[in-house]
Amino acid sequence: MKLLVISRFLPLRDLHGGCTYLADCLEALSQGGWEIECVHLSERPGGENRIWPVPAALRTSMRLVCPGNLRVGNHLIAWRGLKQAALLAIAKFGRMLGVEGVESPSAIAGVRRELSGDHRGQENLVSGPLPMTSDRLPEPFERNFAASRLAAFQPDAIMADFTFMAPVLPEGTERGVRVILTHDVLHERVQSFQNHGISTAWGAWSIEKEAALLRRADLLVAISEQEAESFRRICPEVPVVVAPMSTGAKSARPGEPWTDGVAGSCVFVGGGDAHNVHGLRWMLREVWPGVRARVPEATLHVCGSVCAEVSEPSPGVTFLGRVPDLKGVYADAAVCVVPILAGSGIKIKLVEALNHRCACVTTTAGLRGLEMLRDGLLVADEAADFAGAVVRLLTDGEARRELAAAGAALVAQRLSPSACYGPLARAVEALARAGRAKRTARDLASPIATASFPIS
């Protein structure tokens, strides 16, 4: 099977929950023998660095393609603007030497616009990286680049990463099975935020708007059975398969050394999404003082881009920012807290923490879509109850170890890669076979196929 994926996210673990889920899915399909090309719709996958070494995790499971980039060995080189950068450097050097007329001010301004990714009026070009925090529909240049890769790669299936990317899917089924990796029920996510008074960059999503995009697909991928039911209700004509986040390659193995964590240490991991910001502020304002009152030596390490949004000093709290590898963070933590009060989908951070044998405390919202793991963690919705659950695990080593072991066993049993993504692989393969059979039957029935030609 050949799969083309169109995404605004890099499929790398530990960047963001959406990135981790996409990486987890594609790694599992690759290990099943699929050939995958992932189109990341950014000219600067390496940020400011024009030469970016593609991480080994990507090279081994897929081919990464970015607009305006040239692949040289294991590196992507952002070539757009290189000529202009050279001209700008020459102009600056000429002015330093007092040489007149090296470049006009208007030309220099044009170069600067090119380098900054300002391509107004050039919708046919792929611009620089755009904010990933919005749910905007694909721009014309994104659709054009996706179409060019579809023609070049000739996949059996094409996957849009998130429902709002559905317009990159081709019309009709002639070009392969059209799949949407939904991540969330968008209108439910936005409604949940509104119910909790959480402001977000996401737009207004109605059932009708979301259903219209879902109908562009031949198969919908829901991250939980709860979300699958929502999709079946609002878009009954499109089949749905459930593919939750798996334990991936980082699954704890029986017999591995047990790490009980640093005494009194808690950890929260989250991106800068609105529900993480809201939940962390609730934790620091209403829960954490109750924990520190009973366990004065308790500490909380906050990891991820949520630190850019919440950094108010609190006793015992350290903001670490993005941590490239969370394995050590989870190993040092006695307790992982997931104080999420709103949102949809499933909480990737919860699966990761349980998989790292970390005792966890979350809320009913945090457990959404992962109810099968209920016996492997503690759930509390009120601030006092949440603080009490954290204190109990910090002060009772035996209870903490038993809970962590139960959580790790449950994710290993219920969320193995084959259990999570096997149904997805089989569904896509069946639709691809059906599509090929339909095209073959049509071709055999065509006048050209049935005509007899004399043999000379």
Protein backbone atom coordinates (compact mmCIF):
# COMPACT_ATOMS: atom_id res chain seq x y z
CA MET A 1 0.00 0.00 0.00
CA LYS A 2 1.15 3.50 -0.86
CA LEU A 3 -0.15 6.25 1.41
CA LEU A 4 0.14 10.01 0.85
CA VAL A 5 -0.38 12.12 3.98
CA ILE A 6 -1.05 15.87 3.88
CA SER A 7 -0.42 17.71 7.14
CA ARG A 8 0.59 21.02 8.67
CA PHE A 9 2.26 19.11 11.49
CA LEU A 10 5.57 17.30 11.60
CA PRO A 11 4.93 13.65 12.51
CA LEU A 12 7.38 13.67 15.43
CA ARG A 13 6.75 12.51 18.97
CA ASP A 14 6.96 14.93 21.91
CA LEU A 15 6.33 18.04 19.77
CA HIS A 16 2.57 18.24 20.32
CA GLY A 17 -0.23 15.79 20.96
CA GLY A 18 -1.38 15.96 17.34
CA CYS A 19 2.17 15.41 16.09
CA THR A 20 2.64 12.44 18.41
CA TYR A 21 -0.62 10.81 17.32
CA LEU A 22 0.19 11.26 13.63
CA ALA A 23 3.70 9.86 14.14
CA ASP A 24 2.32 6.91 16.08
CA CYS A 25 -0.17 6.08 13.34
CA LEU A 26 2.30 6.37 10.46
CA GLU A 27 5.01 4.39 12.26
CA ALA A 28 2.57 1.53 12.82
CA LEU A 29 1.45 1.52 9.18
CA SER A 30 5.06 1.66 7.99
CA GLN A 31 5.94 -1.32 10.17
CA GLY A 32 3.06 -3.11 8.45
CA GLY A 33 4.81 -2.70 5.10
CA TRP A 34 3.14 0.48 3.84
CA GLU A 35 5.12 2.95 1.73
CA ILE A 36 4.39 6.42 3.08
CA GLU A 37 5.07 9.90 1.79
CA CYS A 38 4.21 12.66 4.24
CA VAL A 39 3.77 16.19 2.90
CA HIS A 40 4.49 18.75 5.62
CA LEU A 41 3.09 22.05 4.36
CA SER A 42 5.90 24.30 5.52
CA GLU A 43 8.93 25.62 3.69
CA ARG A 44 10.92 25.73 6.92
CA PRO A 45 10.60 22.43 8.78
CA GLY A 46 13.79 23.38 10.63
CA GLY A 47 12.56 26.82 11.65
CA GLU A 48 15.19 29.44 10.90
CA ASN A 49 17.65 26.82 9.69
CA ARG A 50 17.58 26.43 5.92
CA ILE A 51 19.47 23.13 6.14
CA TRP A 52 17.57 20.69 8.32
CA PRO A 53 18.71 17.15 9.17
CA VAL A 54 15.63 14.91 8.89
CA PRO A 55 15.30 12.99 12.19
CA ALA A 56 15.99 9.26 12.03
CA ALA A 57 12.47 8.54 13.30
CA LEU A 58 11.08 10.10 10.12
CA ARG A 59 13.61 8.63 7.71
CA THR A 60 12.93 5.06 8.83
CA SER A 61 9.14 5.17 8.50
CA MET A 62 8.32 7.59 5.69
CA ARG A 63 9.56 10.02 3.10
CA LEU A 64 9.07 13.62 4.21
CA VAL A 65 8.40 16.22 1.50
CA CYS A 66 8.18 19.97 2.12
CA PRO A 67 7.37 22.65 -0.48
CA GLY A 68 10.34 24.73 -1.53
CA ASN A 69 12.80 22.14 -0.16
CA LEU A 70 15.39 19.99 -1.87
CA ARG A 71 16.28 16.59 -0.43
CA VAL A 72 20.04 16.00 -0.26
CA GLY A 73 20.95 12.81 1.54
CA ASN A 74 19.39 12.98 5.00
CA HIS A 75 18.86 16.74 4.83
CA LEU A 76 16.15 19.07 3.56
CA ILE A 77 17.39 22.36 2.14
CA ALA A 78 14.97 25.28 1.87
CA TRP A 79 15.98 26.65 -1.52
CA ARG A 80 13.33 29.32 -2.08
CA GLY A 81 14.82 32.72 -1.37
CA LEU A 82 18.47 31.59 -1.54
CA LYS A 83 19.09 33.72 -4.63
CA GLN A 84 17.43 36.68 -3.01
CA ALA A 85 19.45 36.14 0.17
CA ALA A 86 22.66 36.23 -1.86
CA LEU A 87 21.57 39.45 -3.61
CA LEU A 88 20.76 41.05 -0.28
CA ALA A 89 24.17 40.10 1.09
CA ILE A 90 25.89 41.54 -2.00
CA ALA A 91 23.87 44.74 -1.69
CA LYS A 92 24.79 45.16 1.96
CA PHE A 93 28.46 44.47 1.23
CA GLY A 94 28.39 46.97 -1.65
CA ARG A 95 26.96 49.68 0.55
CA MET A 96 29.65 49.00 3.15
CA LEU A 97 32.25 49.65 0.45
CA GLY A 98 30.45 52.76 -0.75
CA VAL A 99 29.53 51.30 -4.12
CA GLU A 100 26.51 53.04 -5.65
CA GLY A 101 23.64 51.31 -7.43
CA VAL A 102 24.29 47.77 -6.20
CA GLU A 103 20.59 47.35 -5.47
CA SER A 104 17.70 49.78 -5.39
CA PRO A 105 15.72 50.27 -2.15
CA SER A 106 12.63 48.77 -3.82
CA ALA A 107 14.57 45.66 -4.83
CA ILE A 108 15.92 45.27 -1.31
CA ALA A 109 12.38 45.61 0.07
CA GLY A 110 11.22 42.90 -2.34
CA VAL A 111 14.00 40.61 -1.19
CA ARG A 112 13.08 41.16 2.42
CA ARG A 113 9.45 40.29 1.67
CA GLU A 114 10.59 37.10 -0.04
CA LEU A 115 12.78 36.09 2.88
CA SER A 116 10.04 36.80 5.41
CA GLY A 117 7.57 34.60 3.55
CA ASP A 118 5.37 37.49 2.37
CA HIS A 119 3.90 36.22 -0.92
CA ARG A 120 0.81 38.41 -1.17
CA GLY A 121 -0.67 38.24 -4.62
CA GLN A 122 1.25 35.03 -5.40
CA GLU A 123 -1.28 32.43 -4.37
CA ASN A 124 0.27 29.91 -6.76
CA LEU A 125 3.44 29.86 -4.65
CA VAL A 126 3.91 28.01 -1.39
CA SER A 127 4.67 30.51 1.34
CA GLY A 128 6.66 30.10 4.51
CA PRO A 129 5.41 28.40 7.68
CA LEU A 130 2.02 29.55 8.91
CA PRO A 131 0.56 29.37 12.43
CA MET A 132 -0.44 25.87 13.46
CA THR A 133 -2.85 27.06 16.14
CA SER A 134 -5.76 27.76 13.81
CA ASP A 135 -8.21 25.48 12.08
CA ARG A 136 -8.25 27.42 8.81
CA LEU A 137 -9.11 25.55 5.63
CA PRO A 138 -6.26 24.86 3.17
CA GLU A 139 -4.97 27.84 1.21
CA PRO A 140 -4.80 27.57 -2.61
CA PHE A 141 -1.03 27.00 -2.54
CA GLU A 142 -1.50 24.15 -0.04
CA ARG A 143 -4.09 22.46 -2.24
CA ASN A 144 -1.93 22.97 -5.32
CA PHE A 145 1.13 21.42 -3.71
CA ALA A 146 -0.90 18.49 -2.38
CA ALA A 147 -2.28 17.90 -5.89
CA SER A 148 1.23 17.93 -7.37
CA ARG A 149 2.42 15.29 -4.88
CA LEU A 150 -0.69 13.19 -5.53
CA ALA A 151 0.13 13.16 -9.26
CA ALA A 152 3.80 12.37 -8.63
CA PHE A 153 3.42 9.70 -5.93
CA GLN A 154 0.32 7.89 -7.29
CA PRO A 155 -0.80 6.50 -3.92
CA ASP A 156 -3.40 3.89 -3.15
CA ALA A 157 -4.76 6.18 -0.43
CA ILE A 158 -4.49 9.84 0.54
CA MET A 159 -4.94 10.98 4.14
CA ALA A 160 -5.87 14.49 5.28
CA ASP A 161 -4.52 15.18 8.78
CA PHE A 162 -7.44 16.84 10.64
CA THR A 163 -10.92 17.41 9.24
CA PHE A 164 -10.23 21.02 8.30
CA MET A 165 -7.64 19.74 5.80
CA ALA A 166 -10.30 17.75 3.90
CA PRO A 167 -10.28 20.11 0.86
CA VAL A 168 -6.87 18.68 -0.13
CA LEU A 169 -8.62 15.39 -0.92
CA PRO A 170 -9.33 14.89 -4.63
CA GLU A 171 -12.80 14.78 -6.09
CA GLY A 172 -13.98 11.24 -6.78
CA THR A 173 -12.24 7.97 -5.96
CA GLU A 174 -10.15 7.65 -9.12
CA ARG A 175 -6.98 8.82 -7.34
CA GLY A 176 -7.21 6.45 -4.36
CA VAL A 177 -9.01 5.94 -1.06
CA ARG A 178 -9.68 9.28 0.66
CA VAL A 179 -9.13 9.19 4.42
CA ILE A 180 -9.46 11.82 7.17
CA LEU A 181 -7.48 11.36 10.39
CA THR A 182 -9.93 13.44 12.40
CA HIS A 183 -8.20 13.83 15.82
CA ASP A 184 -11.31 15.61 17.18
CA VAL A 185 -15.00 16.19 16.63
CA LEU A 186 -14.50 19.86 15.86
CA HIS A 187 -17.90 21.23 16.80
CA GLU A 188 -17.83 19.33 20.10
CA ARG A 189 -14.34 20.61 20.87
CA VAL A 190 -15.30 24.24 20.29
CA GLN A 191 -18.55 23.84 22.23
CA SER A 192 -16.65 22.33 25.16
CA PHE A 193 -14.30 25.31 25.21
CA GLN A 194 -17.23 27.73 25.14
CA ASN A 195 -18.96 25.92 27.98
CA HIS A 196 -15.88 26.46 30.15
CA GLY A 197 -15.29 30.03 29.07
CA ILE A 198 -12.04 29.15 27.29
CA SER A 199 -10.98 31.50 24.51
CA THR A 200 -9.31 29.82 21.54
CA ALA A 201 -7.99 30.66 18.09
CA TRP A 202 -10.28 28.01 16.62
CA GLY A 203 -13.24 29.27 14.63
CA ALA A 204 -16.94 28.53 14.95
CA TRP A 205 -17.75 24.98 13.87
CA SER A 206 -21.31 23.91 13.25
CA ILE A 207 -22.42 20.33 12.70
CA GLU A 208 -23.33 21.22 9.11
CA LYS A 209 -19.93 22.74 8.32
CA GLU A 210 -18.05 19.79 9.78
CA ALA A 211 -20.29 17.19 8.10
CA ALA A 212 -19.77 18.83 4.69
CA LEU A 213 -16.01 18.30 5.02
CA LEU A 214 -16.38 14.77 6.37
CA ARG A 215 -18.39 13.79 3.27
CA ARG A 216 -15.33 14.37 1.09
CA ALA A 217 -13.81 11.17 2.53
CA ASP A 218 -14.29 7.47 1.85
CA LEU A 219 -13.21 6.61 5.41
CA LEU A 220 -13.11 8.54 8.68
CA VAL A 221 -10.61 7.70 11.41
CA ALA A 222 -11.87 8.47 14.93
CA ILE A 223 -9.52 8.55 17.89
CA SER A 224 -12.10 6.96 20.22
CA GLU A 225 -15.35 5.03 20.05
CA GLN A 226 -17.13 7.99 21.64
CA GLU A 227 -16.05 10.24 18.78
CA ALA A 228 -16.84 7.53 16.21
CA GLU A 229 -20.45 7.58 17.42
CA SER A 230 -20.57 11.34 16.90
CA PHE A 231 -19.30 10.97 13.33
CA ARG A 232 -21.78 8.21 12.57
CA ARG A 233 -24.56 10.45 13.80
CA ILE A 234 -23.64 13.57 11.80
CA CYS A 235 -22.27 11.81 8.71
CA PRO A 236 -23.89 8.35 8.49
CA GLU A 237 -22.98 7.81 4.83
CA VAL A 238 -19.21 7.61 5.45
CA PRO A 239 -17.78 4.56 7.29
CA VAL A 240 -15.81 5.17 10.47
CA VAL A 241 -12.95 3.17 11.96
CA VAL A 242 -11.57 3.72 15.48
CA ALA A 243 -7.80 4.13 15.86
CA PRO A 244 -6.75 5.40 19.30
CA MET A 245 -3.22 6.45 20.23
CA SER A 246 -1.10 3.34 20.83
CA THR A 247 1.78 2.55 23.14
CA GLY A 248 4.05 2.70 20.09
CA ALA A 249 7.66 1.63 20.12
CA LYS A 250 8.19 3.06 23.61
CA SER A 251 6.03 0.52 25.38
CA ALA A 252 7.35 -0.64 28.73
CA ARG A 253 8.34 -4.29 28.66
CA PRO A 254 7.86 -6.82 31.46
CA GLY A 255 11.10 -7.20 33.36
CA GLU A 256 12.39 -3.72 32.64
CA PRO A 257 13.83 -1.95 35.71
CA TRP A 258 11.20 -0.17 37.76
CA THR A 259 11.72 3.54 38.42
CA ASP A 260 9.71 4.88 41.36
CA GLY A 261 10.53 8.53 40.66
CA VAL A 262 11.91 11.27 42.86
CA ALA A 263 10.05 11.58 46.17
CA GLY A 264 7.38 14.28 46.03
CA SER A 265 7.88 14.98 42.31
CA CYS A 266 4.93 15.64 39.98
CA VAL A 267 4.91 16.40 36.26
CA PHE A 268 2.51 18.01 33.80
CA VAL A 269 3.15 17.75 30.06
CA GLY A 270 1.18 19.79 27.55
CA GLY A 271 1.26 21.92 24.44
CA GLY A 272 0.08 25.50 24.26
CA ASP A 273 -3.50 24.56 23.37
CA ALA A 274 -6.28 26.41 25.15
CA HIS A 275 -7.50 23.42 27.16
CA ASN A 276 -3.97 22.74 28.49
CA VAL A 277 -3.53 26.38 29.49
CA HIS A 278 -6.92 26.41 31.20
CA GLY A 279 -6.28 23.13 33.01
CA LEU A 280 -2.80 24.10 34.20
CA ARG A 281 -4.04 27.43 35.57
CA TRP A 282 -6.78 25.58 37.44
CA MET A 283 -4.15 23.19 38.81
CA LEU A 284 -1.87 25.98 40.02
CA ARG A 285 -4.64 28.16 41.40
CA GLU A 286 -6.98 25.66 43.03
CA VAL A 287 -5.23 22.30 43.35
CA TRP A 288 -1.53 22.86 43.94
CA PRO A 289 -1.88 24.92 47.17
CA GLY A 290 -3.79 22.00 48.69
CA VAL A 291 -1.04 19.57 47.69
CA ARG A 292 1.74 21.76 49.11
CA ALA A 293 -0.17 22.27 52.35
CA ARG A 294 -0.02 18.54 53.05
CA VAL A 295 3.24 17.71 51.26
CA PRO A 296 5.42 20.84 51.64
CA GLU A 297 8.33 19.27 49.72
CA ALA A 298 6.15 18.49 46.69
CA THR A 299 7.43 19.78 43.33
CA LEU A 300 5.79 20.16 39.93
CA HIS A 301 7.72 20.17 36.66
CA VAL A 302 5.78 21.66 33.74
CA CYS A 303 6.95 20.56 30.28
CA GLY A 304 5.93 21.58 26.78
CA SER A 305 4.92 24.72 24.93
CA VAL A 306 2.24 25.39 27.56
CA CYS A 307 5.10 27.07 29.45
CA ALA A 308 4.99 29.92 26.94
CA GLU A 309 1.41 30.64 28.00
CA VAL A 310 1.58 29.94 31.73
CA SER A 311 4.72 30.87 33.67
CA GLU A 312 3.46 32.61 36.81
CA PRO A 313 5.76 31.76 39.75
CA SER A 314 4.28 29.20 42.13
CA PRO A 315 5.91 27.49 45.13
CA GLY A 316 7.65 24.28 44.09
CA VAL A 317 6.80 24.72 40.38
CA THR A 318 9.47 24.69 37.65
CA PHE A 319 8.70 25.50 34.00
CA LEU A 320 10.99 23.44 31.78
CA GLY A 321 9.56 24.32 28.37
CA ARG A 322 9.83 21.82 25.54
CA VAL A 323 11.82 18.73 26.47
CA PRO A 324 13.10 16.79 23.41
CA ASP A 325 12.89 13.41 25.16
CA LEU A 326 10.34 12.96 27.94
CA LYS A 327 11.58 9.54 29.04
CA GLY A 328 13.76 11.02 31.78
CA VAL A 329 11.02 13.39 32.91
CA TYR A 330 8.55 10.55 33.39
CA ALA A 331 11.20 8.41 35.09
CA ASP A 332 11.84 11.13 37.68
CA ALA A 333 8.15 11.80 38.35
CA ALA A 334 6.35 10.07 41.18
CA VAL A 335 2.99 11.31 39.86
CA CYS A 336 1.78 12.65 36.51
CA VAL A 337 -1.14 15.09 36.64
CA VAL A 338 -3.51 15.62 33.70
CA PRO A 339 -5.88 18.34 35.00
CA ILE A 340 -7.91 18.81 31.81
CA LEU A 341 -11.41 20.24 32.19
CA ALA A 342 -12.48 20.64 28.54
CA GLY A 343 -11.79 19.48 25.00
CA SER A 344 -12.40 16.45 22.82
CA GLY A 345 -10.36 13.63 21.33
CA ILE A 346 -8.19 11.70 23.76
CA LYS A 347 -5.38 13.01 25.90
CA ILE A 348 -2.18 11.74 24.29
CA LYS A 349 -0.19 12.81 27.34
CA LEU A 350 -2.20 10.41 29.51
CA VAL A 351 -1.41 7.40 27.29
CA GLU A 352 2.28 8.39 27.25
CA ALA A 353 2.51 8.75 31.01
CA LEU A 354 0.80 5.43 31.71
CA ASN A 355 3.01 3.76 29.13
CA HIS A 356 6.05 5.08 31.02
CA ARG A 357 4.75 3.44 34.21
CA CYS A 358 3.86 6.72 35.82
CA ALA A 359 1.04 6.88 38.38
CA CYS A 360 -1.56 9.31 37.01
CA VAL A 361 -4.33 11.56 38.28
CA THR A 362 -6.78 13.07 35.79
CA THR A 363 -10.35 14.29 35.43
CA THR A 364 -13.42 12.88 33.72
CA ALA A 365 -12.64 15.13 30.74
CA GLY A 366 -9.05 13.89 30.75
CA LEU A 367 -10.26 10.29 30.66
CA ARG A 368 -12.66 10.92 27.75
CA GLY A 369 -12.25 8.21 25.10
CA LEU A 370 -9.95 6.18 27.35
CA GLU A 371 -12.50 4.75 29.74
CA MET A 372 -11.00 1.29 29.27
CA LEU A 373 -8.02 2.52 31.34
CA ARG A 374 -10.19 3.61 34.30
CA ASP A 375 -8.74 1.01 36.69
CA GLY A 376 -5.18 2.14 36.00
CA LEU A 377 -5.39 5.71 37.31
CA LEU A 378 -7.22 8.04 39.70
CA VAL A 379 -10.00 10.37 38.54
CA ALA A 380 -11.14 13.49 40.39
CA ASP A 381 -13.10 16.51 39.14
CA GLU A 382 -13.17 18.79 42.17
CA ALA A 383 -10.03 20.67 43.19
CA ALA A 384 -10.00 19.27 46.74
CA ASP A 385 -10.49 15.70 45.49
CA PHE A 386 -7.78 16.13 42.84
CA ALA A 387 -5.34 17.43 45.45
CA GLY A 388 -6.24 14.54 47.75
CA ALA A 389 -5.57 11.99 45.02
CA VAL A 390 -2.15 13.51 44.30
CA VAL A 391 -1.28 13.58 48.01
CA ARG A 392 -2.34 9.96 48.43
CA LEU A 393 0.02 8.81 45.67
CA LEU A 394 2.90 11.00 46.86
CA THR A 395 2.67 9.67 50.42
CA ASP A 396 1.80 6.00 49.77
CA GLY A 397 4.58 4.34 47.78
CA GLU A 398 2.87 0.95 47.64
CA ALA A 399 -0.39 2.41 46.30
CA ARG A 400 1.58 4.46 43.78
CA ARG A 401 3.51 1.45 42.48
CA GLU A 402 0.39 -0.71 42.25
CA LEU A 403 -1.50 1.95 40.32
CA ALA A 404 1.39 2.59 37.94
CA ALA A 405 1.76 -1.13 37.26
CA ALA A 406 -1.98 -1.49 36.61
CA GLY A 407 -1.95 1.47 34.21
CA ALA A 408 1.03 0.17 32.27
CA ALA A 409 -0.54 -3.29 32.00
CA LEU A 410 -3.81 -1.84 30.68
CA VAL A 411 -2.22 0.29 27.96
CA ALA A 412 -0.04 -2.64 26.90
CA GLN A 413 -3.11 -4.87 26.66
CA ARG A 414 -5.61 -2.47 25.12
CA LEU A 415 -3.46 -0.02 23.15
CA SER A 416 -0.82 -2.04 21.32
CA PRO A 417 -0.02 -0.75 17.79
CA SER A 418 -1.71 -3.74 16.18
CA ALA A 419 -4.86 -3.32 18.27
CA CYS A 420 -5.06 0.40 17.54
CA TYR A 421 -4.15 0.56 13.85
CA GLY A 422 -4.89 -2.93 12.54
CA PRO A 423 -8.57 -2.09 11.86
CA LEU A 424 -7.52 1.09 10.03
CA ALA A 425 -5.06 -0.76 7.81
CA ARG A 426 -7.58 -3.47 6.96
CA ALA A 427 -10.32 -0.93 6.17
CA VAL A 428 -8.12 1.11 3.82
CA GLU A 429 -6.80 -2.01 2.09
CA ALA A 430 -10.35 -3.33 1.57
CA LEU A 431 -11.51 -0.02 0.09
CA ALA A 432 -8.46 0.11 -2.17
CA ARG A 433 -9.13 -3.41 -3.45
CA ALA A 434 -12.76 -2.54 -4.07
CA GLY A 435 -11.76 0.59 -5.96
CA ARG A 436 -9.27 -1.28 -8.13
CA ALA A 437 -11.84 -3.98 -8.89
CA LYS A 438 -14.42 -1.36 -9.84
CA ARG A 439 -11.98 0.39 -12.17
CA THR A 440 -10.93 -2.91 -13.74
CA ALA A 441 -14.55 -3.90 -14.38
CA ARG A 442 -15.25 -0.51 -15.93
CA ASP A 443 -12.18 -0.73 -18.16
CA LEU A 444 -13.08 -4.23 -19.32
CA ALA A 445 -16.55 -3.02 -20.26
CA SER A 446 -15.27 -0.05 -22.26
CA PRO A 447 -15.45 -0.17 -26.11
CA ILE A 448 -11.67 -0.05 -26.44
CA ALA A 449 -11.13 -2.92 -24.05
CA THR A 450 -13.73 -5.16 -25.73
CA ALA A 451 -12.80 -4.42 -29.36
CA SER A 452 -10.94 -7.09 -31.34
CA PHE A 453 -7.79 -6.04 -33.16
CA PRO A 454 -6.34 -7.93 -36.14
CA ILE A 455 -2.93 -9.48 -35.64
CA SER A 456 -0.53 -8.50 -38.39
